[in-house]
Amino acid sequence: MSKLKQMESFVSVAARGSLTAAANAEGVAPAIMGRRLDALEERLGVKLLLRTTRRITLTHEGSAFLEDCQRLLSELANAEASVSAGGVKASGHLRITAPAGFGRRHVAPLIPKFYELHPEVTISLNLSDRVVDIAGEGFDCAVRVGDMPDSALVSVRMADNRRLCVATPAYLARHGIPQTPAELQRFHCLTLSSDASQTRGWAFKLPALNKAVPLPGKAAPPPKVGKGGKGSDGAPAVTEAIGNRAGDVVYLKPGGPLDCSDGQVLHDWCLAGYGIAWRSTWEVEAEIASGQLVAVLEAFAAPPNGIYAVFPQRKHLPLRVRLWIDFLKARYGMPGFWQAPSH
């Protein structure tokens, strides 16, 4: 007797709560369904179902085995669909999580388009700025921005993300354009408040220039931090300085009269002309392309980090997850994607 048929019969009986109902659904006699279950329990050496004339209930072992059977049968159905005559077909439920701001702008608009390509896939999107435990909370895939720590998760880099200092043309016309990070002390800088996650400050790379570049804190201990995130000498406070050579990175904490714990608010304030902000290209590249914002200090821009699709270690990734990752990577790699105002 086929092991697969035994598993299918077990799942059918457990789902319907009746041998007769499961047998009728398959078009066989209840006795045949009973023999399949007996053979399955005998082969496994455990009792999966408690059967009486009135009802059928799962044992503890039966409940655990049911979940595994449902998963295996679903993956088998996906595998068969992927090589069917009708082409690649994905099915099942896809659970995705992404950071709130990035997800609203660059994940949520793409989900209906993915669904149009794969209408047999149902999709749930969770937007949260906390680091979600993907495996523990049952997510198939996460989209994450930033450097990836070592973990048991698998990550696929889909695009680069840079951080740039930006301001409106009107603000720069009134106040001038900073030529080095040290000059940020003369400007209103829109920064994340102390209770936000950006604890290291704004990152800048030392460029290869023929003349000395004024960056505070390279040759001396960092200045004492005063009100507004500035050092006692009025310059932006240095939180970390990594070397003095071209290509080395320093972290500064500039100050200003306005700060907020929400990055979207800083973005809005910047668009309104209230100062210079340090934002990701995924957030401001469309405004730079349209001329609403201007990037400054580009020669000092830190190396890019990444935008990743992250998923648990699996020997066989479900087809719907593989297709979603391929879809995202293709979209993010399209010319002009990040400059478009909407997707």
C-alpha atoms as a PDB file:
ATOM      1  CA  MET A   1       0.000   0.000   0.000  1.00  0.00           C
ATOM      2  CA  SER A   2       1.354   3.439  -0.941  1.00  0.00           C
ATOM      3  CA  LYS A   3       2.781   5.435   1.969  1.00  0.00           C
ATOM      4  CA  LEU A   4       1.575   8.574   0.205  1.00  0.00           C
ATOM      5  CA  LYS A   5      -1.980   7.222  -0.031  1.00  0.00           C
ATOM      6  CA  GLN A   6      -1.923   6.410   3.673  1.00  0.00           C
ATOM      7  CA  MET A   7      -0.834   9.950   4.501  1.00  0.00           C
ATOM      8  CA  GLU A   8      -3.473  11.464   2.213  1.00  0.00           C
ATOM      9  CA  SER A   9      -6.182   9.348   3.830  1.00  0.00           C
ATOM     10  CA  PHE A  10      -4.996  10.286   7.329  1.00  0.00           C
ATOM     11  CA  VAL A  11      -5.099  14.010   6.475  1.00  0.00           C
ATOM     12  CA  SER A  12      -8.546  13.660   4.892  1.00  0.00           C
ATOM     13  CA  VAL A  13     -10.013  11.819   7.895  1.00  0.00           C
ATOM     14  CA  ALA A  14      -8.444  14.280  10.365  1.00  0.00           C
ATOM     15  CA  ALA A  15      -9.775  17.265   8.422  1.00  0.00           C
ATOM     16  CA  ARG A  16     -13.310  15.866   8.113  1.00  0.00           C
ATOM     17  CA  GLY A  17     -13.488  14.150  11.511  1.00  0.00           C
ATOM     18  CA  SER A  18     -15.165  11.102   9.985  1.00  0.00           C
ATOM     19  CA  LEU A  19     -14.126   7.964   8.132  1.00  0.00           C
ATOM     20  CA  THR A  20     -17.373   7.980   6.194  1.00  0.00           C
ATOM     21  CA  ALA A  21     -17.016  11.601   5.069  1.00  0.00           C
ATOM     22  CA  ALA A  22     -13.413  11.059   3.982  1.00  0.00           C
ATOM     23  CA  ALA A  23     -14.360   7.851   2.144  1.00  0.00           C
ATOM     24  CA  ASN A  24     -17.251   9.569   0.349  1.00  0.00           C
ATOM     25  CA  ALA A  25     -14.968  12.409  -0.747  1.00  0.00           C
ATOM     26  CA  GLU A  26     -12.588   9.909  -2.335  1.00  0.00           C
ATOM     27  CA  GLY A  27     -15.293   7.588  -3.646  1.00  0.00           C
ATOM     28  CA  VAL A  28     -14.251   4.459  -1.718  1.00  0.00           C
ATOM     29  CA  ALA A  29     -15.825   2.371   1.026  1.00  0.00           C
ATOM     30  CA  PRO A  30     -15.244   3.436   4.664  1.00  0.00           C
ATOM     31  CA  ALA A  31     -13.654   0.038   5.303  1.00  0.00           C
ATOM     32  CA  ILE A  32     -10.892   0.804   2.776  1.00  0.00           C
ATOM     33  CA  MET A  33     -10.182   4.105   4.499  1.00  0.00           C
ATOM     34  CA  GLY A  34     -10.044   2.266   7.848  1.00  0.00           C
ATOM     35  CA  ARG A  35      -7.551  -0.292   6.528  1.00  0.00           C
ATOM     36  CA  ARG A  36      -5.259   2.500   5.285  1.00  0.00           C
ATOM     37  CA  LEU A  37      -5.245   4.121   8.708  1.00  0.00           C
ATOM     38  CA  ASP A  38      -4.598   0.786  10.442  1.00  0.00           C
ATOM     39  CA  ALA A  39      -1.668   0.104   8.112  1.00  0.00           C
ATOM     40  CA  LEU A  40      -0.238   3.582   8.734  1.00  0.00           C
ATOM     41  CA  GLU A  41      -0.441   3.249  12.532  1.00  0.00           C
ATOM     42  CA  GLU A  42       1.070  -0.219  12.407  1.00  0.00           C
ATOM     43  CA  ARG A  43       3.953   0.953  10.254  1.00  0.00           C
ATOM     44  CA  LEU A  44       4.684   3.916  12.535  1.00  0.00           C
ATOM     45  CA  GLY A  45       4.109   2.001  15.744  1.00  0.00           C
ATOM     46  CA  VAL A  46       1.970   4.765  17.288  1.00  0.00           C
ATOM     47  CA  LYS A  47      -1.711   5.552  17.651  1.00  0.00           C
ATOM     48  CA  LEU A  48      -2.661   8.562  15.544  1.00  0.00           C
ATOM     49  CA  LEU A  49      -6.444   8.602  15.913  1.00  0.00           C
ATOM     50  CA  LEU A  50      -8.856   7.595  18.666  1.00  0.00           C
ATOM     51  CA  ARG A  51     -11.884   6.174  16.870  1.00  0.00           C
ATOM     52  CA  THR A  52     -15.311   5.567  18.386  1.00  0.00           C
ATOM     53  CA  THR A  53     -18.720   5.128  16.805  1.00  0.00           C
ATOM     54  CA  ARG A  54     -19.468   8.791  17.523  1.00  0.00           C
ATOM     55  CA  ARG A  55     -16.262  10.682  16.834  1.00  0.00           C
ATOM     56  CA  ILE A  56     -12.629  10.632  15.805  1.00  0.00           C
ATOM     57  CA  THR A  57      -9.999  12.603  17.720  1.00  0.00           C
ATOM     58  CA  LEU A  58      -6.291  13.080  17.192  1.00  0.00           C
ATOM     59  CA  THR A  59      -3.751  11.808  19.697  1.00  0.00           C
ATOM     60  CA  HIS A  60      -0.787  13.993  20.656  1.00  0.00           C
ATOM     61  CA  GLU A  61       1.378  12.097  18.163  1.00  0.00           C
ATOM     62  CA  GLY A  62      -1.389  12.367  15.579  1.00  0.00           C
ATOM     63  CA  SER A  63      -1.523  16.174  15.877  1.00  0.00           C
ATOM     64  CA  ALA A  64       2.236  16.511  15.341  1.00  0.00           C
ATOM     65  CA  PHE A  65       2.208  14.050  12.428  1.00  0.00           C
ATOM     66  CA  LEU A  66      -0.745  15.851  10.820  1.00  0.00           C
ATOM     67  CA  GLU A  67       1.220  19.111  10.525  1.00  0.00           C
ATOM     68  CA  ASP A  68       4.140  17.326   8.862  1.00  0.00           C
ATOM     69  CA  CYS A  69       1.825  15.470   6.472  1.00  0.00           C
ATOM     70  CA  GLN A  70       0.028  18.659   5.455  1.00  0.00           C
ATOM     71  CA  ARG A  71       3.338  20.406   4.780  1.00  0.00           C
ATOM     72  CA  LEU A  72       4.736  17.498   2.753  1.00  0.00           C
ATOM     73  CA  LEU A  73       1.591  17.113   0.679  1.00  0.00           C
ATOM     74  CA  SER A  74       1.532  20.855  -0.001  1.00  0.00           C
ATOM     75  CA  GLU A  75       5.172  20.837  -1.131  1.00  0.00           C
ATOM     76  CA  LEU A  76       4.489  17.819  -3.337  1.00  0.00           C
ATOM     77  CA  ALA A  77       1.573  19.648  -4.957  1.00  0.00           C
ATOM     78  CA  ASN A  78       3.814  22.677  -5.581  1.00  0.00           C
ATOM     79  CA  ALA A  79       6.523  20.488  -7.095  1.00  0.00           C
ATOM     80  CA  GLU A  80       4.038  18.846  -9.456  1.00  0.00           C
ATOM     81  CA  ALA A  81       2.547  22.192 -10.419  1.00  0.00           C
ATOM     82  CA  SER A  82       5.967  23.646 -11.191  1.00  0.00           C
ATOM     83  CA  VAL A  83       6.517  21.118 -13.982  1.00  0.00           C
ATOM     84  CA  SER A  84       2.938  20.845 -15.179  1.00  0.00           C
ATOM     85  CA  ALA A  85       2.010  21.333 -18.814  1.00  0.00           C
ATOM     86  CA  GLY A  86       0.594  24.741 -17.967  1.00  0.00           C
ATOM     87  CA  GLY A  87       3.998  26.054 -16.887  1.00  0.00           C
ATOM     88  CA  VAL A  88       5.263  27.232 -13.502  1.00  0.00           C
ATOM     89  CA  LYS A  89       2.447  27.451 -10.977  1.00  0.00           C
ATOM     90  CA  ALA A  90       2.792  28.349  -7.325  1.00  0.00           C
ATOM     91  CA  SER A  91       0.151  27.899  -4.661  1.00  0.00           C
ATOM     92  CA  GLY A  92      -0.241  28.092  -0.903  1.00  0.00           C
ATOM     93  CA  HIS A  93       0.093  30.957   1.566  1.00  0.00           C
ATOM     94  CA  LEU A  94       3.060  33.356   1.514  1.00  0.00           C
ATOM     95  CA  ARG A  95       3.873  35.300   4.697  1.00  0.00           C
ATOM     96  CA  ILE A  96       6.198  38.296   4.219  1.00  0.00           C
ATOM     97  CA  THR A  97       7.588  40.852   6.674  1.00  0.00           C
ATOM     98  CA  ALA A  98       9.393  44.123   5.925  1.00  0.00           C
ATOM     99  CA  PRO A  99      10.399  47.377   7.674  1.00  0.00           C
ATOM    100  CA  ALA A 100       7.448  49.751   7.904  1.00  0.00           C
ATOM    101  CA  GLY A 101       8.751  52.673   5.836  1.00  0.00           C
ATOM    102  CA  PHE A 102      10.510  50.613   3.180  1.00  0.00           C
ATOM    103  CA  GLY A 103       7.655  48.117   3.067  1.00  0.00           C
ATOM    104  CA  ARG A 104       4.992  50.751   2.464  1.00  0.00           C
ATOM    105  CA  ARG A 105       6.964  52.274  -0.395  1.00  0.00           C
ATOM    106  CA  HIS A 106       8.762  49.376  -2.082  1.00  0.00           C
ATOM    107  CA  VAL A 107       7.114  46.094  -1.022  1.00  0.00           C
ATOM    108  CA  ALA A 108       3.382  46.683  -0.600  1.00  0.00           C
ATOM    109  CA  PRO A 109       2.837  48.126  -4.127  1.00  0.00           C
ATOM    110  CA  LEU A 110       4.485  45.030  -5.656  1.00  0.00           C
ATOM    111  CA  ILE A 111       2.389  42.415  -3.874  1.00  0.00           C
ATOM    112  CA  PRO A 112      -0.769  42.840  -6.010  1.00  0.00           C
ATOM    113  CA  LYS A 113       1.414  42.613  -9.121  1.00  0.00           C
ATOM    114  CA  PHE A 114       2.944  39.358  -7.867  1.00  0.00           C
ATOM    115  CA  TYR A 115      -0.547  38.059  -7.092  1.00  0.00           C
ATOM    116  CA  GLU A 116      -1.657  38.829 -10.657  1.00  0.00           C
ATOM    117  CA  LEU A 117       1.137  36.575 -11.911  1.00  0.00           C
ATOM    118  CA  HIS A 118       0.400  33.826  -9.358  1.00  0.00           C
ATOM    119  CA  PRO A 119      -3.318  33.972  -8.478  1.00  0.00           C
ATOM    120  CA  GLU A 120      -3.227  30.668  -6.586  1.00  0.00           C
ATOM    121  CA  VAL A 121      -0.933  32.179  -3.943  1.00  0.00           C
ATOM    122  CA  THR A 122      -2.485  34.021  -0.987  1.00  0.00           C
ATOM    123  CA  ILE A 123      -0.259  36.646   0.669  1.00  0.00           C
ATOM    124  CA  SER A 124       0.047  38.256   4.099  1.00  0.00           C
ATOM    125  CA  LEU A 125       2.317  41.291   4.576  1.00  0.00           C
ATOM    126  CA  ASN A 126       3.538  42.346   8.012  1.00  0.00           C
ATOM    127  CA  LEU A 127       5.141  45.800   8.337  1.00  0.00           C
ATOM    128  CA  SER A 128       7.210  46.273  11.466  1.00  0.00           C
ATOM    129  CA  ASP A 129      10.439  48.056  12.403  1.00  0.00           C
ATOM    130  CA  ARG A 130      11.342  45.425  14.992  1.00  0.00           C
ATOM    131  CA  VAL A 131      13.601  42.534  13.949  1.00  0.00           C
ATOM    132  CA  VAL A 132      11.072  39.756  13.401  1.00  0.00           C
ATOM    133  CA  ASP A 133      11.973  36.169  14.326  1.00  0.00           C
ATOM    134  CA  ILE A 134      11.187  34.744  10.903  1.00  0.00           C
ATOM    135  CA  ALA A 135      11.309  31.064  11.751  1.00  0.00           C
ATOM    136  CA  GLY A 136       9.787  31.423  15.219  1.00  0.00           C
ATOM    137  CA  GLU A 137       6.872  33.527  13.984  1.00  0.00           C
ATOM    138  CA  GLY A 138       6.164  31.488  10.869  1.00  0.00           C
ATOM    139  CA  PHE A 139       7.247  33.913   8.126  1.00  0.00           C
ATOM    140  CA  ASP A 140       8.436  32.638   4.762  1.00  0.00           C
ATOM    141  CA  CYS A 141      10.535  35.664   3.841  1.00  0.00           C
ATOM    142  CA  ALA A 142      11.682  39.016   5.217  1.00  0.00           C
ATOM    143  CA  VAL A 143      12.908  42.053   3.318  1.00  0.00           C
ATOM    144  CA  ARG A 144      15.632  43.824   5.297  1.00  0.00           C
ATOM    145  CA  VAL A 145      17.761  46.922   4.725  1.00  0.00           C
ATOM    146  CA  GLY A 146      21.276  47.265   6.137  1.00  0.00           C
ATOM    147  CA  ASP A 147      24.253  45.116   6.971  1.00  0.00           C
ATOM    148  CA  MET A 148      23.287  41.514   7.673  1.00  0.00           C
ATOM    149  CA  PRO A 149      24.564  39.972  10.909  1.00  0.00           C
ATOM    150  CA  ASP A 150      25.746  36.382  10.962  1.00  0.00           C
ATOM    151  CA  SER A 151      22.792  34.103  11.604  1.00  0.00           C
ATOM    152  CA  ALA A 152      21.177  30.815  10.662  1.00  0.00           C
ATOM    153  CA  LEU A 153      19.130  32.665   8.047  1.00  0.00           C
ATOM    154  CA  VAL A 154      19.833  32.693   4.321  1.00  0.00           C
ATOM    155  CA  SER A 155      20.050  36.119   2.664  1.00  0.00           C
ATOM    156  CA  VAL A 156      19.960  37.165  -0.980  1.00  0.00           C
ATOM    157  CA  ARG A 157      21.250  40.656  -1.798  1.00  0.00           C
ATOM    158  CA  MET A 158      18.744  42.279  -4.151  1.00  0.00           C
ATOM    159  CA  ALA A 159      20.017  45.852  -4.426  1.00  0.00           C
ATOM    160  CA  ASP A 160      22.463  48.373  -2.986  1.00  0.00           C
ATOM    161  CA  ASN A 161      21.347  51.098  -0.604  1.00  0.00           C
ATOM    162  CA  ARG A 162      23.347  54.269   0.080  1.00  0.00           C
ATOM    163  CA  ARG A 163      22.847  56.982   2.687  1.00  0.00           C
ATOM    164  CA  LEU A 164      23.066  60.561   1.476  1.00  0.00           C
ATOM    165  CA  CYS A 165      22.808  64.045   2.929  1.00  0.00           C
ATOM    166  CA  VAL A 166      19.953  65.829   1.162  1.00  0.00           C
ATOM    167  CA  ALA A 167      18.161  69.168   1.317  1.00  0.00           C
ATOM    168  CA  THR A 168      15.811  71.214  -0.842  1.00  0.00           C
ATOM    169  CA  PRO A 169      17.235  73.595  -3.450  1.00  0.00           C
ATOM    170  CA  ALA A 170      15.542  76.480  -1.604  1.00  0.00           C
ATOM    171  CA  TYR A 171      17.220  75.604   1.709  1.00  0.00           C
ATOM    172  CA  LEU A 172      20.643  75.388   0.064  1.00  0.00           C
ATOM    173  CA  ALA A 173      20.052  78.655  -1.783  1.00  0.00           C
ATOM    174  CA  ARG A 174      19.390  80.401   1.545  1.00  0.00           C
ATOM    175  CA  HIS A 175      22.134  78.767   3.628  1.00  0.00           C
ATOM    176  CA  GLY A 176      24.787  77.587   1.182  1.00  0.00           C
ATOM    177  CA  ILE A 177      26.171  74.134   0.473  1.00  0.00           C
ATOM    178  CA  PRO A 178      28.459  72.289   2.955  1.00  0.00           C
ATOM    179  CA  GLN A 179      31.751  71.243   1.379  1.00  0.00           C
ATOM    180  CA  THR A 180      32.903  68.868   4.148  1.00  0.00           C
ATOM    181  CA  PRO A 181      31.086  67.038   6.980  1.00  0.00           C
ATOM    182  CA  ALA A 182      32.764  69.405   9.477  1.00  0.00           C
ATOM    183  CA  GLU A 183      30.782  72.282   7.975  1.00  0.00           C
ATOM    184  CA  LEU A 184      27.488  70.695   9.024  1.00  0.00           C
ATOM    185  CA  GLN A 185      27.846  72.653  12.275  1.00  0.00           C
ATOM    186  CA  ARG A 186      26.619  75.730  10.342  1.00  0.00           C
ATOM    187  CA  PHE A 187      23.409  74.037   9.192  1.00  0.00           C
ATOM    188  CA  HIS A 188      20.171  72.771  10.690  1.00  0.00           C
ATOM    189  CA  CYS A 189      20.502  68.974  10.576  1.00  0.00           C
ATOM    190  CA  LEU A 190      17.371  66.869  10.927  1.00  0.00           C
ATOM    191  CA  THR A 191      18.390  63.937  13.106  1.00  0.00           C
ATOM    192  CA  LEU A 192      16.849  60.900  14.735  1.00  0.00           C
ATOM    193  CA  SER A 193      16.198  61.467  18.437  1.00  0.00           C
ATOM    194  CA  SER A 194      18.203  59.613  21.051  1.00  0.00           C
ATOM    195  CA  ASP A 195      15.554  56.929  21.581  1.00  0.00           C
ATOM    196  CA  ALA A 196      15.749  55.861  17.923  1.00  0.00           C
ATOM    197  CA  SER A 197      17.958  53.087  16.576  1.00  0.00           C
ATOM    198  CA  GLN A 198      20.548  55.205  14.696  1.00  0.00           C
ATOM    199  CA  THR A 199      22.979  55.346  17.619  1.00  0.00           C
ATOM    200  CA  ARG A 200      26.264  55.681  15.717  1.00  0.00           C
ATOM    201  CA  GLY A 201      25.341  58.823  13.824  1.00  0.00           C
ATOM    202  CA  TRP A 202      25.851  59.768  10.185  1.00  0.00           C
ATOM    203  CA  ALA A 203      28.520  57.799   8.301  1.00  0.00           C
ATOM    204  CA  PHE A 204      31.050  59.492   6.012  1.00  0.00           C
ATOM    205  CA  LYS A 205      33.919  58.066   3.957  1.00  0.00           C
ATOM    206  CA  LEU A 206      37.227  59.895   3.734  1.00  0.00           C
ATOM    207  CA  PRO A 207      37.838  60.685   0.042  1.00  0.00           C
ATOM    208  CA  ALA A 208      41.137  60.565  -1.795  1.00  0.00           C
ATOM    209  CA  LEU A 209      42.088  64.264  -1.998  1.00  0.00           C
ATOM    210  CA  ASN A 210      45.370  66.087  -2.398  1.00  0.00           C
ATOM    211  CA  LYS A 211      44.671  68.414   0.507  1.00  0.00           C
ATOM    212  CA  ALA A 212      43.763  67.835   4.105  1.00  0.00           C
ATOM    213  CA  VAL A 213      40.065  67.333   4.713  1.00  0.00           C
ATOM    214  CA  PRO A 214      38.719  68.797   7.963  1.00  0.00           C
ATOM    215  CA  LEU A 215      36.990  65.976   9.763  1.00  0.00           C
ATOM    216  CA  PRO A 216      36.936  66.436  13.544  1.00  0.00           C
ATOM    217  CA  GLY A 217      38.227  63.722  15.803  1.00  0.00           C
ATOM    218  CA  LYS A 218      40.634  61.884  13.511  1.00  0.00           C
ATOM    219  CA  ALA A 219      43.846  62.706  15.298  1.00  0.00           C
ATOM    220  CA  ALA A 220      42.505  63.403  18.784  1.00  0.00           C
ATOM    221  CA  PRO A 221      40.014  61.858  21.181  1.00  0.00           C
ATOM    222  CA  PRO A 222      36.382  62.685  20.335  1.00  0.00           C
ATOM    223  CA  PRO A 223      35.266  66.035  21.775  1.00  0.00           C
ATOM    224  CA  LYS A 224      32.890  66.130  24.671  1.00  0.00           C
ATOM    225  CA  VAL A 225      29.333  66.013  23.391  1.00  0.00           C
ATOM    226  CA  GLY A 226      27.225  69.036  24.231  1.00  0.00           C
ATOM    227  CA  LYS A 227      23.631  70.072  23.661  1.00  0.00           C
ATOM    228  CA  GLY A 228      22.262  69.321  20.186  1.00  0.00           C
ATOM    229  CA  GLY A 229      24.785  66.544  19.505  1.00  0.00           C
ATOM    230  CA  LYS A 230      27.735  68.930  18.997  1.00  0.00           C
ATOM    231  CA  GLY A 231      31.160  68.868  20.545  1.00  0.00           C
ATOM    232  CA  SER A 232      32.390  71.510  22.947  1.00  0.00           C
ATOM    233  CA  ASP A 233      34.115  73.235  20.007  1.00  0.00           C
ATOM    234  CA  GLY A 234      30.783  73.555  18.149  1.00  0.00           C
ATOM    235  CA  ALA A 235      31.630  70.883  15.541  1.00  0.00           C
ATOM    236  CA  PRO A 236      29.536  67.781  14.966  1.00  0.00           C
ATOM    237  CA  ALA A 237      30.283  65.213  17.655  1.00  0.00           C
ATOM    238  CA  VAL A 238      32.394  62.258  16.525  1.00  0.00           C
ATOM    239  CA  THR A 239      30.955  58.977  17.788  1.00  0.00           C
ATOM    240  CA  GLU A 240      33.504  56.778  16.039  1.00  0.00           C
ATOM    241  CA  ALA A 241      36.508  57.416  13.800  1.00  0.00           C
ATOM    242  CA  ILE A 242      37.944  54.452  11.898  1.00  0.00           C
ATOM    243  CA  GLY A 243      41.391  55.432  10.601  1.00  0.00           C
ATOM    244  CA  ASN A 244      42.634  58.467   8.728  1.00  0.00           C
ATOM    245  CA  ARG A 245      43.171  57.102   5.246  1.00  0.00           C
ATOM    246  CA  ALA A 246      41.118  57.503   2.076  1.00  0.00           C
ATOM    247  CA  GLY A 247      38.220  55.094   2.195  1.00  0.00           C
ATOM    248  CA  ASP A 248      38.065  54.995   6.000  1.00  0.00           C
ATOM    249  CA  VAL A 249      34.695  55.708   7.602  1.00  0.00           C
ATOM    250  CA  VAL A 250      33.876  58.166  10.380  1.00  0.00           C
ATOM    251  CA  TYR A 251      30.576  58.557  12.225  1.00  0.00           C
ATOM    252  CA  LEU A 252      29.395  62.040  13.175  1.00  0.00           C
ATOM    253  CA  LYS A 253      26.412  63.243  15.158  1.00  0.00           C
ATOM    254  CA  PRO A 254      25.450  66.666  13.805  1.00  0.00           C
ATOM    255  CA  GLY A 255      22.917  68.770  15.633  1.00  0.00           C
ATOM    256  CA  GLY A 256      19.956  70.962  14.939  1.00  0.00           C
ATOM    257  CA  PRO A 257      16.806  72.414  16.493  1.00  0.00           C
ATOM    258  CA  LEU A 258      14.547  69.572  15.251  1.00  0.00           C
ATOM    259  CA  ASP A 259      14.805  65.834  15.799  1.00  0.00           C
ATOM    260  CA  CYS A 260      12.326  62.976  15.708  1.00  0.00           C
ATOM    261  CA  SER A 261      12.242  59.227  16.372  1.00  0.00           C
ATOM    262  CA  ASP A 262      10.448  58.598  13.049  1.00  0.00           C
ATOM    263  CA  GLY A 263      12.415  58.681   9.814  1.00  0.00           C
ATOM    264  CA  GLN A 264       9.382  59.522   7.674  1.00  0.00           C
ATOM    265  CA  VAL A 265       8.852  62.704   9.677  1.00  0.00           C
ATOM    266  CA  LEU A 266      12.482  63.718   9.061  1.00  0.00           C
ATOM    267  CA  HIS A 267      11.923  63.062   5.370  1.00  0.00           C
ATOM    268  CA  ASP A 268       8.817  65.272   5.376  1.00  0.00           C
ATOM    269  CA  TRP A 269      10.618  68.051   7.272  1.00  0.00           C
ATOM    270  CA  CYS A 270      13.461  67.907   4.781  1.00  0.00           C
ATOM    271  CA  LEU A 271      11.040  68.202   1.843  1.00  0.00           C
ATOM    272  CA  ALA A 272       9.482  71.196   3.590  1.00  0.00           C
ATOM    273  CA  GLY A 273      12.873  72.928   3.636  1.00  0.00           C
ATOM    274  CA  TYR A 274      13.701  72.790   7.358  1.00  0.00           C
ATOM    275  CA  GLY A 275      17.239  71.467   7.021  1.00  0.00           C
ATOM    276  CA  ILE A 276      19.623  68.747   5.871  1.00  0.00           C
ATOM    277  CA  ALA A 277      18.704  65.095   6.437  1.00  0.00           C
ATOM    278  CA  TRP A 278      20.720  61.888   6.100  1.00  0.00           C
ATOM    279  CA  ARG A 279      18.426  59.434   4.316  1.00  0.00           C
ATOM    280  CA  SER A 280      18.551  56.193   2.370  1.00  0.00           C
ATOM    281  CA  THR A 281      18.495  56.300  -1.414  1.00  0.00           C
ATOM    282  CA  TRP A 282      15.415  54.052  -1.416  1.00  0.00           C
ATOM    283  CA  GLU A 283      13.600  56.891   0.336  1.00  0.00           C
ATOM    284  CA  VAL A 284      14.891  59.980  -1.501  1.00  0.00           C
ATOM    285  CA  GLU A 285      16.120  58.912  -4.924  1.00  0.00           C
ATOM    286  CA  ALA A 286      12.794  59.728  -6.582  1.00  0.00           C
ATOM    287  CA  GLU A 287      12.867  63.244  -5.106  1.00  0.00           C
ATOM    288  CA  ILE A 288      16.498  63.698  -6.192  1.00  0.00           C
ATOM    289  CA  ALA A 289      15.573  62.605  -9.735  1.00  0.00           C
ATOM    290  CA  SER A 290      12.648  65.059  -9.803  1.00  0.00           C
ATOM    291  CA  GLY A 291      14.715  67.938  -8.390  1.00  0.00           C
ATOM    292  CA  GLN A 292      12.753  68.238  -5.144  1.00  0.00           C
ATOM    293  CA  LEU A 293      15.889  67.338  -3.190  1.00  0.00           C
ATOM    294  CA  VAL A 294      19.592  67.806  -3.852  1.00  0.00           C
ATOM    295  CA  ALA A 295      22.309  65.456  -2.589  1.00  0.00           C
ATOM    296  CA  VAL A 296      25.258  67.157  -0.864  1.00  0.00           C
ATOM    297  CA  LEU A 297      28.617  65.839   0.390  1.00  0.00           C
ATOM    298  CA  GLU A 298      28.412  63.010  -2.172  1.00  0.00           C
ATOM    299  CA  ALA A 299      32.223  62.772  -2.243  1.00  0.00           C
ATOM    300  CA  PHE A 300      32.018  61.713   1.411  1.00  0.00           C
ATOM    301  CA  ALA A 301      29.146  59.211   1.027  1.00  0.00           C
ATOM    302  CA  ALA A 302      29.804  55.986   2.945  1.00  0.00           C
ATOM    303  CA  PRO A 303      29.941  52.667   1.071  1.00  0.00           C
ATOM    304  CA  PRO A 304      26.496  51.203   0.368  1.00  0.00           C
ATOM    305  CA  ASN A 305      24.859  48.565   2.480  1.00  0.00           C
ATOM    306  CA  GLY A 306      22.333  46.144   1.030  1.00  0.00           C
ATOM    307  CA  ILE A 307      18.659  45.391   0.577  1.00  0.00           C
ATOM    308  CA  TYR A 308      18.132  41.694   1.244  1.00  0.00           C
ATOM    309  CA  ALA A 309      15.550  38.962   1.020  1.00  0.00           C
ATOM    310  CA  VAL A 310      15.990  36.746   4.075  1.00  0.00           C
ATOM    311  CA  PHE A 311      14.491  33.327   4.721  1.00  0.00           C
ATOM    312  CA  PRO A 312      15.059  30.314   7.016  1.00  0.00           C
ATOM    313  CA  GLN A 313      17.502  27.580   6.108  1.00  0.00           C
ATOM    314  CA  ARG A 314      15.614  25.033   4.039  1.00  0.00           C
ATOM    315  CA  LYS A 315      16.810  22.249   1.809  1.00  0.00           C
ATOM    316  CA  HIS A 316      13.870  22.757  -0.536  1.00  0.00           C
ATOM    317  CA  LEU A 317      12.506  26.284  -0.609  1.00  0.00           C
ATOM    318  CA  PRO A 318       8.772  26.393  -1.505  1.00  0.00           C
ATOM    319  CA  LEU A 319       8.135  27.455  -5.077  1.00  0.00           C
ATOM    320  CA  ARG A 320       6.063  30.478  -4.027  1.00  0.00           C
ATOM    321  CA  VAL A 321       9.000  31.809  -1.943  1.00  0.00           C
ATOM    322  CA  ARG A 322      11.524  31.278  -4.733  1.00  0.00           C
ATOM    323  CA  LEU A 323       9.270  33.030  -7.235  1.00  0.00           C
ATOM    324  CA  TRP A 324       8.683  35.954  -4.828  1.00  0.00           C
ATOM    325  CA  ILE A 325      12.427  36.468  -4.296  1.00  0.00           C
ATOM    326  CA  ASP A 326      13.105  36.272  -8.053  1.00  0.00           C
ATOM    327  CA  PHE A 327      10.254  38.730  -8.679  1.00  0.00           C
ATOM    328  CA  LEU A 328      11.592  41.245  -6.135  1.00  0.00           C
ATOM    329  CA  LYS A 329      15.156  40.997  -7.409  1.00  0.00           C
ATOM    330  CA  ALA A 330      14.017  41.562 -10.998  1.00  0.00           C
ATOM    331  CA  ARG A 331      11.905  44.572 -10.018  1.00  0.00           C
ATOM    332  CA  TYR A 332      14.594  46.153  -7.859  1.00  0.00           C
ATOM    333  CA  GLY A 333      17.083  45.685 -10.680  1.00  0.00           C
ATOM    334  CA  MET A 334      14.943  47.474 -13.285  1.00  0.00           C
ATOM    335  CA  PRO A 335      16.502  50.709 -14.629  1.00  0.00           C
ATOM    336  CA  GLY A 336      14.852  53.683 -12.987  1.00  0.00           C
ATOM    337  CA  PHE A 337      12.985  51.643 -10.351  1.00  0.00           C
ATOM    338  CA  TRP A 338      14.262  53.641  -7.385  1.00  0.00           C
ATOM    339  CA  GLN A 339      13.762  56.976  -9.154  1.00  0.00           C
ATOM    340  CA  ALA A 340      10.078  56.256  -9.846  1.00  0.00           C
ATOM    341  CA  PRO A 341       7.625  58.059  -7.524  1.00  0.00           C
ATOM    342  CA  SER A 342       5.482  54.927  -7.151  1.00  0.00           C
ATOM    343  CA  HIS A 343       5.513  51.293  -8.204  1.00  0.00           C
END
